[in-house]
Protein backbone atom coordinates (compact mmCIF):
# COMPACT_ATOMS: atom_id res chain seq x y z
CA MET A 1 32.31 -8.70 8.24
CA ASN A 2 34.91 -8.60 10.98
CA PHE A 3 34.16 -10.76 13.98
CA LYS A 4 34.57 -8.87 17.23
CA THR A 5 33.42 -9.03 20.82
CA PRO A 6 33.78 -6.78 23.89
CA ALA A 7 36.72 -7.56 26.18
CA LEU A 8 34.43 -8.17 29.13
CA LEU A 9 32.38 -10.65 27.13
CA LEU A 10 35.54 -12.35 25.90
CA ASN A 11 36.88 -12.69 29.43
CA MET A 12 33.61 -14.17 30.63
CA ILE A 13 33.63 -16.76 27.85
CA ILE A 14 37.26 -17.72 28.53
CA ALA A 15 36.59 -17.92 32.24
CA ALA A 16 33.56 -20.08 31.67
CA CYS A 17 35.49 -22.40 29.36
CA THR A 18 38.27 -22.85 31.93
CA GLY A 19 35.85 -23.45 34.79
CA GLU A 20 36.92 -20.33 36.68
CA MET A 21 33.39 -18.93 36.95
CA PHE A 22 30.91 -21.77 36.67
CA SER A 23 30.82 -25.47 36.20
CA ALA A 24 31.67 -26.67 32.71
CA ALA A 25 28.48 -28.74 32.84
CA ALA A 26 26.31 -25.61 32.84
CA SER A 27 24.18 -25.47 29.71
CA ARG A 28 24.76 -22.70 27.24
CA ASN A 29 22.41 -20.78 24.99
CA ARG A 30 23.08 -18.18 22.37
CA TYR A 31 22.37 -14.61 23.45
CA VAL A 32 22.24 -11.28 21.66
CA VAL A 33 23.99 -8.44 23.48
CA VAL A 34 23.14 -4.82 22.68
CA TYR A 35 25.28 -1.99 23.99
CA PRO A 36 26.19 1.60 23.07
CA THR A 37 29.24 1.94 20.86
CA ASP A 38 32.37 3.21 22.66
CA ASN A 39 30.74 3.04 26.09
CA ASP A 40 32.52 1.33 28.98
CA PRO A 41 32.82 -1.55 29.66
CA PHE A 42 32.75 -2.26 25.93
CA ALA A 43 35.31 0.22 24.64
CA ASP A 44 38.00 -2.44 24.21
CA ILE A 45 37.03 -4.68 21.29
CA ALA A 46 39.07 -7.81 20.65
CA ALA A 47 38.77 -10.12 17.66
CA ILE A 48 38.19 -13.77 18.51
CA ASP A 49 37.07 -16.99 16.86
CA ALA A 50 33.63 -16.63 15.28
CA ALA A 51 32.55 -19.89 16.89
CA ASN A 52 32.58 -18.24 20.31
CA ALA A 53 31.31 -14.72 19.78
CA GLN A 54 30.93 -12.19 17.03
CA THR A 55 29.65 -8.74 16.27
CA ILE A 56 26.59 -8.93 14.04
CA MET A 57 25.91 -5.21 13.69
CA HIS A 58 27.95 -2.09 14.29
CA THR A 59 26.78 1.51 13.86
CA ALA A 60 27.90 4.88 15.10
CA THR A 61 25.76 4.53 18.21
CA GLN A 62 25.03 0.83 18.82
CA ASP A 63 26.82 -2.51 18.75
CA PHE A 64 25.13 -5.90 18.60
CA ALA A 65 27.00 -9.11 19.44
CA VAL A 66 26.12 -12.79 19.89
CA ALA A 67 27.73 -15.28 22.26
CA ASP A 68 27.02 -18.65 23.84
CA LEU A 69 26.50 -18.04 27.57
CA THR A 70 25.12 -19.78 30.60
CA THR A 71 22.13 -18.25 32.30
CA GLU A 72 24.35 -16.99 35.10
CA GLU A 73 26.80 -15.38 32.69
CA ALA A 74 23.99 -13.69 30.83
CA GLN A 75 22.55 -12.33 34.07
CA GLN A 76 25.93 -11.03 35.22
CA LEU A 77 26.54 -9.40 31.85
CA GLN A 78 23.13 -7.75 32.02
CA GLN A 79 23.99 -6.27 35.39
CA GLN A 80 27.25 -4.93 33.98
CA ILE A 81 25.68 -3.10 31.05
CA GLN A 82 22.24 -2.05 32.24
CA ASN A 83 23.54 1.31 33.46
CA VAL A 84 24.54 2.19 29.87
CA SER A 85 21.14 1.06 28.47
CA GLY A 86 22.59 -2.27 27.34
CA VAL A 87 20.54 -5.45 27.19
CA VAL A 88 21.07 -9.20 26.91
CA VAL A 89 18.33 -11.25 25.23
CA LEU A 90 18.04 -14.84 24.09
CA ASP A 91 18.66 -15.48 20.42
CA GLU A 92 15.19 -16.91 20.02
CA PRO A 93 13.72 -18.47 16.89
CA ILE A 94 11.28 -16.33 14.93
CA GLN A 95 8.73 -17.55 12.43
CA LEU A 96 6.92 -16.11 9.44
CA MET A 97 3.26 -15.39 10.04
CA ALA A 98 0.84 -18.03 8.85
CA GLU A 99 -1.40 -16.94 6.00
CA PRO A 100 -4.96 -16.43 7.26
CA ASP A 101 -7.60 -18.54 5.51
CA TYR A 102 -9.73 -16.14 3.52
CA GLY A 103 -12.35 -18.83 2.81
CA THR A 104 -15.71 -17.22 2.04
CA MET A 105 -14.13 -13.78 2.28
CA THR A 106 -13.40 -13.85 -1.45
CA GLY A 107 -17.03 -12.94 -2.21
CA GLU A 108 -16.59 -9.69 -0.29
CA ILE A 109 -13.42 -8.53 -1.99
CA THR A 110 -14.33 -5.78 -4.44
CA GLU A 111 -10.90 -5.12 -5.93
CA TYR A 112 -7.52 -6.73 -5.64
CA LEU A 113 -5.42 -3.65 -5.69
CA ASN A 114 -2.48 -4.72 -7.79
CA ASP A 115 -4.72 -6.34 -10.44
CA ALA A 116 -6.23 -2.98 -11.39
CA PRO A 117 -4.79 -1.74 -14.72
CA SER A 118 -4.73 1.76 -13.24
CA CYS A 119 -2.27 0.61 -10.61
CA LYS A 120 0.55 -0.36 -12.93
CA ALA A 121 3.55 1.91 -12.62
CA GLU A 122 7.26 2.19 -13.30
CA VAL A 123 10.23 2.61 -10.96
CA ASN A 124 13.76 3.63 -11.86
CA GLY A 125 16.89 4.06 -9.77
CA VAL A 126 15.46 2.50 -6.61
CA ASP A 127 16.36 -0.90 -5.15
CA ILE A 128 14.15 -2.81 -2.73
CA ILE A 129 15.86 -4.84 -0.03
CA VAL A 130 13.56 -7.79 0.66
CA ILE A 131 14.35 -9.54 3.96
CA ASP A 132 12.44 -12.80 3.73
CA THR A 133 12.78 -16.33 2.43
CA VAL A 134 15.07 -16.93 -0.54
CA ILE A 135 13.22 -15.78 -3.66
CA TYR A 136 12.72 -17.94 -6.74
CA LYS A 137 14.44 -15.42 -9.00
CA ASP A 138 14.81 -17.57 -12.14
CA ILE A 139 11.13 -17.75 -13.03
CA ALA A 140 9.15 -16.05 -15.80
CA GLU A 141 7.40 -13.74 -13.32
CA PHE A 142 10.72 -12.01 -12.69
CA SER A 143 12.08 -12.08 -16.24
CA ASN A 144 11.69 -8.29 -16.23
CA THR A 145 13.48 -7.76 -12.91
CA ASN A 146 17.05 -7.97 -11.70
CA ILE A 147 17.01 -9.98 -8.46
CA GLU A 148 20.30 -10.27 -6.63
CA TYR A 149 20.95 -12.53 -3.67
CA GLY A 150 22.57 -10.86 -0.70
CA PRO A 151 23.70 -12.77 2.38
CA ILE A 152 21.73 -16.00 2.88
CA TYR A 153 21.50 -17.09 6.52
CA VAL A 154 19.57 -20.31 5.88
CA ASN A 155 19.14 -22.76 2.99
CA LYS A 156 20.99 -21.61 -0.10
CA GLN A 157 18.25 -22.67 -2.50
CA PRO A 158 14.86 -20.93 -2.80
CA CYS A 159 11.92 -22.59 -1.10
CA ASN A 160 8.73 -21.78 0.81
CA GLY A 161 7.55 -19.13 -1.68
CA HIS A 162 6.75 -16.37 0.84
CA GLY A 163 9.49 -14.02 -0.34
CA THR A 164 8.58 -14.76 -3.94
CA LYS A 165 4.98 -13.67 -3.32
CA VAL A 166 6.14 -10.50 -1.58
CA ALA A 167 8.43 -9.58 -4.47
CA SER A 168 5.78 -10.41 -7.07
CA ILE A 169 3.38 -7.84 -5.57
CA MET A 170 5.96 -5.14 -6.11
CA VAL A 171 7.73 -5.99 -9.37
CA GLY A 172 6.23 -9.20 -10.78
CA LYS A 173 5.55 -9.32 -14.51
CA THR A 174 1.89 -10.28 -14.01
CA ALA A 175 1.14 -9.52 -10.36
CA GLY A 176 3.42 -6.54 -9.79
CA ILE A 177 2.34 -2.96 -9.21
CA ALA A 178 5.59 -1.77 -10.83
CA PRO A 179 6.40 -4.44 -13.42
CA LYS A 180 8.75 -2.20 -15.42
CA GLY A 181 11.75 0.00 -14.87
CA ASP A 182 15.35 0.06 -13.78
CA ARG A 183 14.79 -1.31 -10.28
CA LYS A 184 16.28 -4.25 -8.45
CA ILE A 185 15.34 -6.63 -5.66
CA TYR A 186 18.17 -7.30 -3.21
CA ASN A 187 17.12 -10.45 -1.38
CA ILE A 188 18.50 -11.25 2.08
CA GLY A 189 17.34 -14.75 3.06
CA ILE A 190 16.79 -15.23 6.79
CA PHE A 191 13.77 -17.56 6.91
CA ASP A 192 14.18 -21.24 6.02
CA CYS A 193 11.86 -23.55 4.11
CA ASN A 194 9.58 -23.84 7.15
CA GLY A 195 9.55 -20.10 7.72
CA PHE A 196 11.92 -20.12 10.71
CA GLY A 197 14.82 -17.80 11.44
CA PHE A 198 16.57 -16.32 14.47
CA VAL A 199 16.74 -12.93 16.14
CA SER A 200 20.49 -12.73 15.40
CA SER A 201 19.94 -13.41 11.69
CA LEU A 202 17.31 -10.68 11.48
CA ILE A 203 19.63 -8.17 13.15
CA GLY A 204 22.45 -9.27 10.88
CA SER A 205 20.22 -8.68 7.87
CA PHE A 206 19.59 -5.12 9.06
CA SER A 207 23.34 -4.58 9.12
CA ASN A 208 23.59 -6.01 5.60
CA ALA A 209 20.83 -3.65 4.47
CA ILE A 210 22.70 -0.61 5.81
CA ASP A 211 25.89 -1.69 4.04
CA TYR A 212 24.10 -2.33 0.75
CA ALA A 213 22.23 0.98 0.86
CA ALA A 214 25.47 2.87 1.51
CA GLU A 215 27.13 1.22 -1.49
CA ASN A 216 24.01 1.78 -3.57
CA LYS A 217 24.03 5.47 -2.72
CA GLN A 218 27.55 5.72 -4.12
CA ARG A 219 26.11 4.34 -7.36
CA GLY A 220 23.52 7.12 -7.40
CA ARG A 221 20.64 4.84 -6.42
CA ARG A 222 18.21 4.81 -3.49
CA SER A 223 17.28 1.82 -1.32
CA LEU A 224 14.45 0.86 0.99
CA VAL A 225 13.63 -2.20 3.11
CA ASN A 226 10.59 -4.49 3.12
CA LEU A 227 10.18 -6.97 5.98
CA SER A 228 6.99 -9.01 5.87
CA GLY A 229 7.61 -10.78 9.16
CA VAL A 230 7.43 -10.01 12.87
CA SER A 231 8.74 -11.42 16.14
CA ASN A 232 7.59 -11.25 19.70
CA ALA A 233 8.40 -7.89 21.30
CA ASN A 234 12.19 -7.74 21.35
CA PHE A 235 14.31 -4.78 22.41
CA ALA A 236 17.30 -5.89 20.33
CA ILE A 237 15.27 -6.11 17.11
CA ASP A 238 13.66 -2.73 17.77
CA LYS A 239 17.02 -1.04 18.35
CA ALA A 240 18.51 -2.61 15.22
CA ALA A 241 15.53 -1.56 13.07
CA GLU A 242 15.84 1.98 14.40
CA GLU A 243 19.47 2.02 13.29
CA VAL A 244 18.34 1.25 9.74
CA VAL A 245 16.00 4.24 9.78
CA LYS A 246 18.70 6.45 11.32
CA ALA A 247 20.86 5.58 8.32
CA GLY A 248 18.22 7.25 6.12
CA ILE A 249 16.76 4.00 4.77
CA PRO A 250 12.95 3.78 4.63
CA PHE A 251 11.84 0.63 6.47
CA ILE A 252 8.39 -0.80 5.76
CA GLY A 253 7.14 -3.77 7.76
CA ALA A 254 4.02 -5.86 8.24
CA ALA A 255 2.05 -5.35 11.45
CA GLY A 256 1.37 -9.07 11.89
CA ASN A 257 -1.56 -11.46 11.73
CA ASP A 258 -2.38 -12.16 15.40
CA ALA A 259 -5.41 -9.84 15.72
CA ASP A 260 -3.47 -8.25 18.56
CA ASN A 261 -1.85 -4.98 19.59
CA ALA A 262 1.30 -4.72 17.48
CA CYS A 263 2.56 -1.77 19.53
CA ASN A 264 2.87 -3.88 22.68
CA ARG A 265 3.46 -7.36 21.34
CA ARG A 266 5.41 -7.31 18.07
CA SER A 267 8.82 -6.20 16.79
CA PRO A 268 9.79 -4.35 14.69
CA PRO A 269 6.38 -2.70 14.05
CA ARG A 270 6.67 -0.95 17.43
CA ALA A 271 10.18 0.40 16.64
CA ARG A 272 10.48 4.14 16.08
CA GLY A 273 10.59 5.13 12.43
CA VAL A 274 9.42 1.79 11.01
CA ILE A 275 6.41 2.23 8.72
CA ALA A 276 4.12 -0.52 10.02
CA VAL A 277 1.27 -1.66 7.76
CA GLY A 278 -1.87 -3.46 8.89
CA ALA A 279 -4.47 -5.16 6.69
CA THR A 280 -8.04 -4.34 5.67
CA LYS A 281 -10.69 -6.56 4.09
CA ASN A 282 -11.10 -4.29 1.07
CA PRO A 283 -9.37 -1.10 -0.05
CA GLY A 284 -10.61 1.60 2.32
CA ASP A 285 -12.60 -0.95 4.31
CA VAL A 286 -12.58 -2.10 7.91
CA LEU A 287 -9.76 -3.95 9.62
CA ALA A 288 -9.24 -7.53 8.44
CA ASP A 289 -10.13 -10.03 11.15
CA PHE A 290 -6.56 -11.32 11.36
CA SER A 291 -4.67 -8.03 11.27
CA ASN A 292 -2.68 -6.66 14.17
CA TRP A 293 -3.54 -3.11 15.08
CA GLY A 294 -2.50 -0.04 17.03
CA TYR A 295 -4.44 2.87 18.44
CA LEU A 296 -4.61 5.94 16.20
CA GLY A 297 -1.27 7.72 16.27
CA GLU A 298 0.61 4.74 17.69
CA CYS A 299 2.88 2.34 15.86
CA VAL A 300 0.66 1.06 13.00
CA ASP A 301 0.84 3.87 10.45
CA LEU A 302 -1.76 2.77 7.94
CA TYR A 303 -3.86 -0.16 6.75
CA LEU A 304 -3.86 -1.50 3.19
CA PRO A 305 -5.68 -4.42 1.52
CA GLY A 306 -4.83 -7.75 3.12
CA TYR A 307 -6.18 -9.90 0.28
CA VAL A 308 -3.82 -9.41 -2.63
CA SER A 309 -2.97 -10.98 -5.98
CA VAL A 310 0.42 -12.68 -5.82
CA PHE A 311 2.39 -15.02 -8.02
CA ASP A 312 2.38 -18.51 -6.56
CA VAL A 313 5.44 -20.51 -7.57
CA ASN A 314 3.79 -23.85 -6.75
CA SER A 315 0.87 -23.41 -9.14
CA GLY A 316 2.78 -21.19 -11.56
CA LYS A 317 0.01 -18.60 -11.68
CA LYS A 318 -1.56 -15.69 -9.85
CA ILE A 319 -3.61 -16.47 -6.79
CA ILE A 320 -5.11 -14.48 -3.92
CA SER A 321 -3.09 -14.60 -0.70
CA SER A 322 -3.98 -12.95 2.57
CA GLY A 323 -2.06 -11.37 5.42
CA SER A 324 -0.35 -8.15 6.37
CA SER A 325 2.74 -9.74 4.77
CA TYR A 326 1.14 -8.74 1.48
CA SER A 327 -0.16 -5.37 2.65
CA ALA A 328 3.34 -4.13 3.44
CA PRO A 329 4.75 -4.55 -0.11
CA ILE A 330 2.00 -2.28 -1.46
CA ALA A 331 3.25 0.50 0.82
CA THR A 332 6.85 -0.37 -0.06
CA ILE A 333 6.35 -0.04 -3.80
CA MET A 334 4.39 3.17 -3.27
CA CYS A 335 7.40 4.55 -1.41
CA ALA A 336 9.75 3.30 -4.13
CA ILE A 337 7.78 5.14 -6.81
CA ARG A 338 7.66 8.23 -4.65
CA MET A 339 11.44 8.02 -4.22
CA TYR A 340 11.82 7.78 -8.00
CA PHE A 341 10.18 11.20 -8.31
CA ASN A 342 11.59 12.66 -5.10
CA ARG A 343 15.06 11.26 -4.65
CA ALA A 344 15.66 13.22 -1.47
CA ALA A 345 12.60 11.84 0.35
CA THR A 346 13.45 10.82 3.92
CA PRO A 347 11.87 7.96 5.89
CA VAL A 348 9.86 10.49 7.92
CA GLN A 349 8.64 12.29 4.81
CA LEU A 350 7.55 9.03 3.21
CA GLN A 351 5.71 8.00 6.35
CA GLN A 352 3.94 11.37 6.48
CA TRP A 353 3.10 11.17 2.79
CA LEU A 354 1.54 7.72 3.14
CA VAL A 355 -0.52 8.74 6.15
CA SER A 356 -1.68 11.91 4.38
CA LYS A 357 -3.40 9.70 1.79
CA THR A 358 -5.51 7.84 4.35
CA ILE A 359 -8.93 8.46 5.78
CA THR A 360 -9.97 7.56 9.31
CA VAL A 361 -12.50 4.75 9.50
CA THR A 362 -14.28 3.67 12.69
CA PRO A 363 -14.88 -0.09 12.86
CA PRO A 364 -18.39 -1.35 13.67
CA ALA A 365 -19.33 -1.68 17.32
CA ASP A 366 -19.22 -5.48 17.19
CA ALA A 367 -15.67 -5.60 15.80
CA ALA A 368 -12.83 -7.05 17.88
CA PHE A 369 -11.03 -3.70 17.63
CA THR A 370 -13.24 -0.62 17.57
CA SER A 371 -10.74 2.25 17.64
CA PRO A 372 -10.54 4.43 14.49
CA ILE A 373 -7.85 3.36 11.99
CA PRO A 374 -6.18 5.19 9.06
CA VAL A 375 -7.00 3.27 5.88
CA MET A 376 -6.17 4.02 2.26
CA LEU A 377 -8.82 4.10 -0.42
CA ALA A 378 -8.25 2.12 -3.60
CA ASN A 379 -7.51 5.16 -5.75
CA ASN A 380 -5.14 6.63 -3.20
CA ALA A 381 -3.31 3.32 -2.88
CA CYS A 382 -2.49 3.20 -6.58
CA PRO A 383 0.97 4.76 -6.55
CA ASN A 384 0.83 6.26 -10.04
CA LEU A 385 -2.64 7.68 -9.45
CA GLN A 386 -1.52 9.16 -6.18
CA LEU A 387 1.34 10.94 -7.90
CA ILE A 388 -1.30 12.62 -10.03
CA ASN A 389 -3.28 13.41 -6.88
CA ASP A 390 -0.34 15.57 -5.88
CA PHE A 391 -0.71 17.63 -9.04
CA THR A 392 -2.76 20.81 -9.25
CA THR A 393 -4.97 20.97 -12.33
CA SER A 394 -4.52 24.21 -14.23
CA LYS A 395 -6.80 23.37 -17.14
CA ARG A 396 -9.34 20.64 -17.81
CA HIS A 397 -11.23 19.99 -21.04
CA THR A 398 -13.68 17.37 -22.24
CA ARG A 399 -11.03 15.39 -24.06
CA LYS A 400 -7.70 16.69 -22.79
CA PHE A 401 -6.27 18.34 -19.72
CA THR A 402 -2.99 19.69 -18.54
CA ALA A 403 -1.66 19.23 -15.00
CA TRP A 404 1.27 20.98 -13.39
CA HIS A 405 3.27 19.43 -10.61
CA GLN A 406 5.10 22.03 -8.54
CA ALA A 407 8.21 20.48 -6.98
CA GLY A 408 9.77 23.81 -6.11
CA ALA A 409 10.25 26.97 -8.14
CA ASP A 410 13.11 25.47 -10.13
CA ASN A 411 11.57 22.09 -10.90
CA ASN A 412 8.04 22.33 -12.27
CA PHE A 413 6.91 19.96 -14.96
CA CYS A 414 3.83 19.66 -17.09
CA VAL A 415 1.99 16.45 -17.94
CA GLN A 416 -0.72 16.34 -20.60
CA PHE A 417 -3.28 13.56 -20.96
CA ASP A 418 -5.77 12.53 -23.60
CA LEU A 419 -9.08 11.32 -22.14
CA THR A 420 -10.67 10.43 -25.49
CA SER A 421 -10.90 6.77 -24.49
CA LYS A 422 -13.35 5.96 -21.73
CA LYS A 423 -11.17 3.10 -20.56
CA SER A 424 -7.78 4.74 -20.24
CA ALA A 425 -5.88 7.99 -20.24
CA ALA A 426 -2.90 8.31 -22.54
CA LEU A 427 0.16 10.35 -21.73
CA ILE A 428 0.62 12.61 -24.78
CA GLY A 429 3.01 15.29 -23.58
CA LEU A 430 5.67 15.94 -20.99
CA ARG A 431 7.66 19.09 -20.35
CA ASN A 432 10.13 19.99 -17.63
CA ASN A 433 10.99 23.66 -17.26
CA ASN A 434 14.18 22.95 -15.32
CA THR A 435 16.74 23.01 -18.13
CA GLN A 436 19.61 22.49 -15.70
CA ALA A 437 18.28 19.32 -14.09
CA GLY A 438 17.07 17.73 -17.33
CA ALA A 439 15.00 15.34 -15.23
CA GLU A 440 13.56 12.28 -16.92
CA LEU A 441 9.96 11.64 -15.84
CA ARG A 442 7.74 8.71 -16.68
CA LEU A 443 4.17 7.90 -15.66
CA THR A 444 1.80 5.10 -16.54
CA ILE A 445 -1.76 6.25 -16.00
CA GLY A 446 -4.96 4.24 -16.25
CA LYS A 447 -8.60 4.89 -15.45
CA GLN A 448 -10.19 6.11 -12.21
CA LEU A 449 -8.19 9.33 -12.07
CA VAL A 450 -8.80 11.40 -8.96
CA PHE A 451 -7.63 14.98 -8.53
CA SER A 452 -7.07 17.09 -5.44
């Protein structure tokens, strides 16, 4: 990445260093500066030493820079750029959400979604960009998955285990919803061993995600982002997340665990285009006590189980962990599977598809949040089952049935199942009538089939 800074910002830093503006004794803090690309006074970009200032994200419409400034310099810079919708914010520390203690809640959990045999699926040609802690990639749980480290902003060695849990929900050998297929995890590490990072690192990771997805597209592959972390409401983070979505990259994020309004208090769930996921107690149940929320139609798009089977690197086995951090990856892997079958799916289409699979549930009157919420039932949340939900059944027999999926007049395909076994449904036939496309289609189907 080239290190750049606006000329005005450069002049202010030089002036401050030479004592021409303020006393050299004035304390300095790191700030993030957001401004429209090619808008005065930031049209003239000059490269300088990275120790003083640098561009951390550049898109066709927005630039994001960091610099060490005094309070007075930051205020003056804000005045200079506010008329072009620019903003100057502190580069504050951000922290991963603490896992809520599920305690006696375990007796109420009827199904851990990704443990259900019917929820195992396969993904090909889609890479998941996991922005989190550094993942323990060289463990047996990921022996079936290619995990590549991207930029690491913190400790170079894996620790903490949060990112590892998140990845295990999606692609883990024992805990994963999609444990097989030609898919990859691209891990950008921004949170350290104690779960801390910075606003600038998060924005930088968004820039890395855009770059990786663009390169991945040239390889004929799709990409999407999972972020299981939130910050306090922050304009810079929101704008940067929106740039990811504008680049055509689906962005799925956790709503947070503060039992608060995510749409007012947390970034990036409140950012436009981000698919924000809250947590429920059970699949299709009421809001989990810890989950952040949003009024129907606001920023939280749907709610998925918040008590999920994950692979715990410390114990070396599957455990139950709680939090919207682990709800978000369920939505992410659903989107990844959907993208496998519909490679042209846009972020908006994926968001609409997810929401279309929810039902509206009204919490009890004594709940902390009583507004209706869109939740997903267990069957609908199983990605492979939901693909079958999108089929129209043309014929159904006692032991076998045939389903046609209509993906346009030129791309219909037929899937045939054998229901002889009471415990599972076997895929026994597959036919695609699009001889030009020659599409390769794979499904793994279990019990509890639901048809629409």
